[in-house]
Amino acid sequence: MHESGLAKLNARITQCTLCPRLAEYVKTVGEQKVKRFAQENYWARPLPSWGDPNARLLIVGLAPAAHGGNRTGRMFTGDSSGDWLMRAMHETGFASKPTSQSKDDGLVLTDAYITAALRCAPPANKPTPTELANCSQYLLAELEMLRNVRVTLALGRIGFEAYCRAAKVGKAGFGHGLHYELGGGKTLVASYHPSRQNTNTGKLSWAMWIDIFRKVRLMLKN
């Protein structure tokens, strides 16, 4: 039942027009494109979540990238953040392939589901509080439907805070590698987002990143 519920929710998400600024931005990006993707048809609308409906691991990101997910139609696909995420997920048994290039590339997630605080790419990667509030209903609905989740991995402060609001987690501060026992066998894990801003500067190293996923894998074994 929850599988069909998630499919219906995703269909609703892709038609969402709650945020005029975001709707205009993703459409404009899809029309103007960038030179290296000039021949591609951009998705250019809100992105659905994806993965294993029976997942025990939920990954909460920030938002689609303008020329990543907003182009390909799948979160963490077609950009460097997606490359980092899929390589780590593949090494720890959550993804069938180490790369995520297009929504039709055959990549399958096992025991993991990917969502985000915001479903549209925001200008300068900075959503407004109103936009985050508008989008929160979708994460809230997913938390009710994804009944097997035991570990939630929140990527970046915005993803972390969005999850905390939706799941009514109080007094949890964001910090890379911090984790919180939420009761009922559920754990929240915080990590820096694998954006170029963090990976190119060394704020997030590969060793730090893969360590998070190894810890998550151990948590799911207990």
Protein backbone atom coordinates (compact mmCIF):
# COMPACT_ATOMS: atom_id res chain seq x y z
CA MET A 1 0.00 0.00 0.00
CA HIS A 2 2.75 2.44 0.92
CA GLU A 3 4.43 1.79 -2.45
CA SER A 4 1.38 2.99 -4.39
CA GLY A 5 0.99 5.85 -1.90
CA LEU A 6 4.57 6.99 -2.59
CA ALA A 7 3.96 6.79 -6.36
CA LYS A 8 0.84 8.96 -6.03
CA LEU A 9 2.70 11.43 -3.82
CA ASN A 10 5.57 11.66 -6.33
CA ALA A 11 3.09 12.31 -9.14
CA ARG A 12 1.62 15.14 -7.07
CA ILE A 13 5.06 16.58 -6.32
CA THR A 14 5.98 16.86 -10.00
CA GLN A 15 2.87 18.98 -10.60
CA CYS A 16 3.42 21.31 -7.61
CA THR A 17 3.19 25.07 -8.26
CA LEU A 18 3.20 26.38 -4.68
CA CYS A 19 6.36 28.48 -5.09
CA PRO A 20 6.20 30.93 -8.04
CA ARG A 21 9.86 31.99 -7.72
CA LEU A 22 11.06 28.38 -7.93
CA ALA A 23 8.66 27.44 -10.74
CA GLU A 24 9.93 30.37 -12.80
CA TYR A 25 13.58 29.64 -12.01
CA VAL A 26 13.58 25.93 -12.94
CA LYS A 27 11.67 26.70 -16.14
CA THR A 28 14.14 29.46 -17.11
CA VAL A 29 17.16 27.23 -16.39
CA GLY A 30 15.59 24.51 -18.52
CA GLU A 31 15.15 26.90 -21.43
CA GLN A 32 18.49 28.70 -21.23
CA LYS A 33 20.55 25.61 -20.26
CA VAL A 34 24.34 25.67 -20.18
CA LYS A 35 26.62 25.07 -23.12
CA ARG A 36 27.68 21.54 -22.16
CA PHE A 37 24.03 20.40 -21.94
CA ALA A 38 22.65 22.54 -24.78
CA GLN A 39 21.32 19.51 -26.68
CA GLU A 40 19.48 18.01 -23.69
CA ASN A 41 15.85 18.36 -22.71
CA TYR A 42 15.74 19.53 -19.11
CA TRP A 43 13.22 18.08 -16.63
CA ALA A 44 12.66 21.65 -15.32
CA ARG A 45 9.94 20.97 -12.75
CA PRO A 46 9.71 19.63 -9.18
CA LEU A 47 11.53 16.35 -8.61
CA PRO A 48 10.04 13.18 -7.16
CA SER A 49 11.85 11.18 -4.50
CA TRP A 50 13.14 7.71 -5.41
CA GLY A 51 14.50 4.43 -4.14
CA ASP A 52 13.36 1.36 -2.26
CA PRO A 53 9.86 1.81 -0.72
CA ASN A 54 10.86 -0.69 2.00
CA ALA A 55 14.09 1.17 2.79
CA ARG A 56 15.60 1.19 6.26
CA LEU A 57 17.87 4.12 5.25
CA LEU A 58 16.35 7.49 4.36
CA ILE A 59 18.65 10.13 2.87
CA VAL A 60 17.48 13.75 3.07
CA GLY A 61 19.29 16.22 0.82
CA LEU A 62 18.88 19.96 0.28
CA ALA A 63 17.42 20.43 -3.22
CA PRO A 64 18.01 19.43 -6.85
CA ALA A 65 20.95 21.05 -8.62
CA ALA A 66 20.00 23.43 -11.44
CA HIS A 67 21.96 21.44 -14.04
CA GLY A 68 21.91 18.14 -12.14
CA GLY A 69 18.53 16.85 -10.99
CA ASN A 70 16.67 19.74 -12.60
CA ARG A 71 18.14 18.54 -15.90
CA THR A 72 17.97 14.77 -15.45
CA GLY A 73 14.72 14.43 -13.52
CA ARG A 74 16.24 12.42 -10.68
CA MET A 75 17.72 13.65 -7.40
CA PHE A 76 21.51 13.39 -7.02
CA THR A 77 21.88 12.53 -10.70
CA GLY A 78 24.15 14.15 -13.27
CA ASP A 79 26.29 16.25 -10.93
CA SER A 80 29.31 15.93 -8.62
CA SER A 81 27.20 15.58 -5.45
CA GLY A 82 25.47 12.61 -7.04
CA ASP A 83 28.85 11.13 -7.99
CA TRP A 84 30.01 11.28 -4.37
CA LEU A 85 26.74 9.92 -3.03
CA MET A 86 26.45 6.97 -5.41
CA ARG A 87 30.09 5.97 -5.05
CA ALA A 88 29.67 5.79 -1.27
CA MET A 89 26.30 4.03 -1.52
CA HIS A 90 27.71 1.52 -3.99
CA GLU A 91 30.72 0.79 -1.76
CA THR A 92 28.42 0.12 1.20
CA GLY A 93 25.84 -1.95 -0.67
CA PHE A 94 22.99 0.53 -1.07
CA ALA A 95 23.34 1.24 -4.81
CA SER A 96 23.81 -1.11 -7.77
CA LYS A 97 26.22 1.25 -9.58
CA PRO A 98 28.85 3.79 -8.44
CA THR A 99 27.57 6.56 -10.74
CA SER A 100 24.26 8.30 -11.33
CA GLN A 101 24.05 9.80 -14.82
CA SER A 102 20.41 9.77 -15.93
CA LYS A 103 17.07 8.57 -14.59
CA ASP A 104 17.15 5.77 -17.17
CA ASP A 105 20.67 4.50 -16.41
CA GLY A 106 19.49 1.34 -14.65
CA LEU A 107 20.72 2.39 -11.20
CA VAL A 108 18.80 0.62 -8.43
CA LEU A 109 18.83 1.52 -4.74
CA THR A 110 18.53 -1.29 -2.20
CA ASP A 111 17.31 -0.58 1.34
CA ALA A 112 17.64 3.18 0.72
CA TYR A 113 15.30 6.00 -0.29
CA ILE A 114 16.36 9.51 -1.36
CA THR A 115 14.37 12.65 -0.72
CA ALA A 116 15.09 16.35 -0.13
CA ALA A 117 13.99 19.37 1.87
CA LEU A 118 13.10 21.14 -1.39
CA ARG A 119 11.94 19.60 -4.68
CA CYS A 120 12.89 22.46 -7.01
CA ALA A 121 16.36 23.89 -7.64
CA PRO A 122 16.52 27.25 -5.83
CA PRO A 123 18.45 30.28 -7.18
CA ALA A 124 21.98 30.35 -5.69
CA ASN A 125 21.07 27.17 -3.76
CA LYS A 126 19.24 29.35 -1.22
CA PRO A 127 15.58 28.52 -0.60
CA THR A 128 13.43 30.92 1.40
CA PRO A 129 11.77 29.86 4.67
CA THR A 130 8.38 30.03 2.93
CA GLU A 131 9.54 27.71 0.15
CA LEU A 132 10.87 25.20 2.66
CA ALA A 133 7.61 25.39 4.58
CA ASN A 134 5.58 24.84 1.40
CA CYS A 135 7.62 21.74 0.56
CA SER A 136 7.59 20.27 4.08
CA GLN A 137 4.20 18.59 3.51
CA TYR A 138 5.83 16.15 1.09
CA LEU A 139 8.58 15.06 3.49
CA LEU A 140 5.97 14.72 6.23
CA ALA A 141 3.85 12.45 4.02
CA GLU A 142 6.91 10.34 3.14
CA LEU A 143 7.81 9.84 6.79
CA GLU A 144 4.35 8.43 7.38
CA MET A 145 4.59 6.06 4.38
CA LEU A 146 8.20 4.88 4.74
CA ARG A 147 7.44 2.60 7.67
CA ASN A 148 10.67 0.58 7.73
CA VAL A 149 13.13 3.48 8.10
CA ARG A 150 15.55 2.97 10.96
CA VAL A 151 18.33 5.43 10.05
CA THR A 152 17.86 8.87 8.52
CA LEU A 153 20.98 10.49 7.06
CA ALA A 154 20.53 14.25 6.72
CA LEU A 155 22.94 15.96 4.31
CA GLY A 156 23.67 19.56 5.24
CA ARG A 157 22.08 21.84 7.79
CA ILE A 158 18.98 22.61 5.70
CA GLY A 159 18.20 18.94 5.12
CA PHE A 160 18.87 18.23 8.80
CA GLU A 161 16.60 21.00 10.04
CA ALA A 162 13.85 20.08 7.56
CA TYR A 163 13.84 16.51 8.84
CA CYS A 164 13.87 17.64 12.48
CA ARG A 165 10.83 19.84 11.87
CA ALA A 166 8.91 17.13 10.00
CA ALA A 167 9.76 14.40 12.52
CA LYS A 168 9.31 16.73 15.51
CA VAL A 169 12.87 16.17 16.74
CA GLY A 170 13.71 18.69 19.45
CA LYS A 171 17.09 20.02 20.61
CA ALA A 172 19.25 18.36 17.97
CA GLY A 173 22.14 20.47 16.72
CA PHE A 174 23.73 19.97 13.32
CA GLY A 175 27.33 18.79 13.10
CA HIS A 176 29.12 16.38 10.80
CA GLY A 177 29.09 12.87 12.22
CA LEU A 178 26.67 13.60 15.05
CA HIS A 179 23.90 11.08 15.59
CA TYR A 180 20.79 11.06 17.73
CA GLU A 181 18.74 8.15 19.03
CA LEU A 182 15.11 9.14 18.42
CA GLY A 183 13.38 6.24 20.16
CA GLY A 184 11.48 3.41 18.57
CA GLY A 185 14.70 2.04 17.10
CA LYS A 186 15.25 5.14 14.92
CA THR A 187 18.50 7.08 14.56
CA LEU A 188 19.24 10.45 12.94
CA VAL A 189 22.73 10.95 11.48
CA ALA A 190 24.07 14.34 10.33
CA SER A 191 26.66 14.88 7.59
CA TYR A 192 28.06 17.73 5.57
CA HIS A 193 26.49 17.83 2.12
CA PRO A 194 28.74 16.43 -0.66
CA SER A 195 28.54 19.69 -2.63
CA ARG A 196 31.56 21.06 -4.49
CA GLN A 197 31.60 23.85 -1.93
CA ASN A 198 32.51 21.23 0.70
CA THR A 199 34.41 18.60 -1.31
CA ASN A 200 36.62 20.99 -3.31
CA THR A 201 37.64 22.92 -0.18
CA GLY A 202 38.44 19.83 1.88
CA LYS A 203 35.72 20.59 4.41
CA LEU A 204 34.38 17.15 3.51
CA SER A 205 37.05 14.62 2.61
CA TRP A 206 36.36 11.25 1.05
CA ALA A 207 37.52 9.51 4.25
CA MET A 208 35.01 11.53 6.33
CA TRP A 209 32.25 10.83 3.82
CA ILE A 210 32.68 7.07 3.41
CA ASP A 211 33.05 6.74 7.19
CA ILE A 212 29.48 8.07 7.58
CA PHE A 213 28.13 5.34 5.30
CA ARG A 214 30.12 2.61 7.01
CA LYS A 215 28.69 3.73 10.35
CA VAL A 216 25.17 3.74 8.90
CA ARG A 217 25.70 0.21 7.59
CA LEU A 218 26.81 -0.93 11.08
CA MET A 219 23.77 0.73 12.66
CA LEU A 220 21.50 -1.28 10.36
CA LYS A 221 23.23 -4.53 11.36
CA ASN A 222 22.37 -4.09 15.03
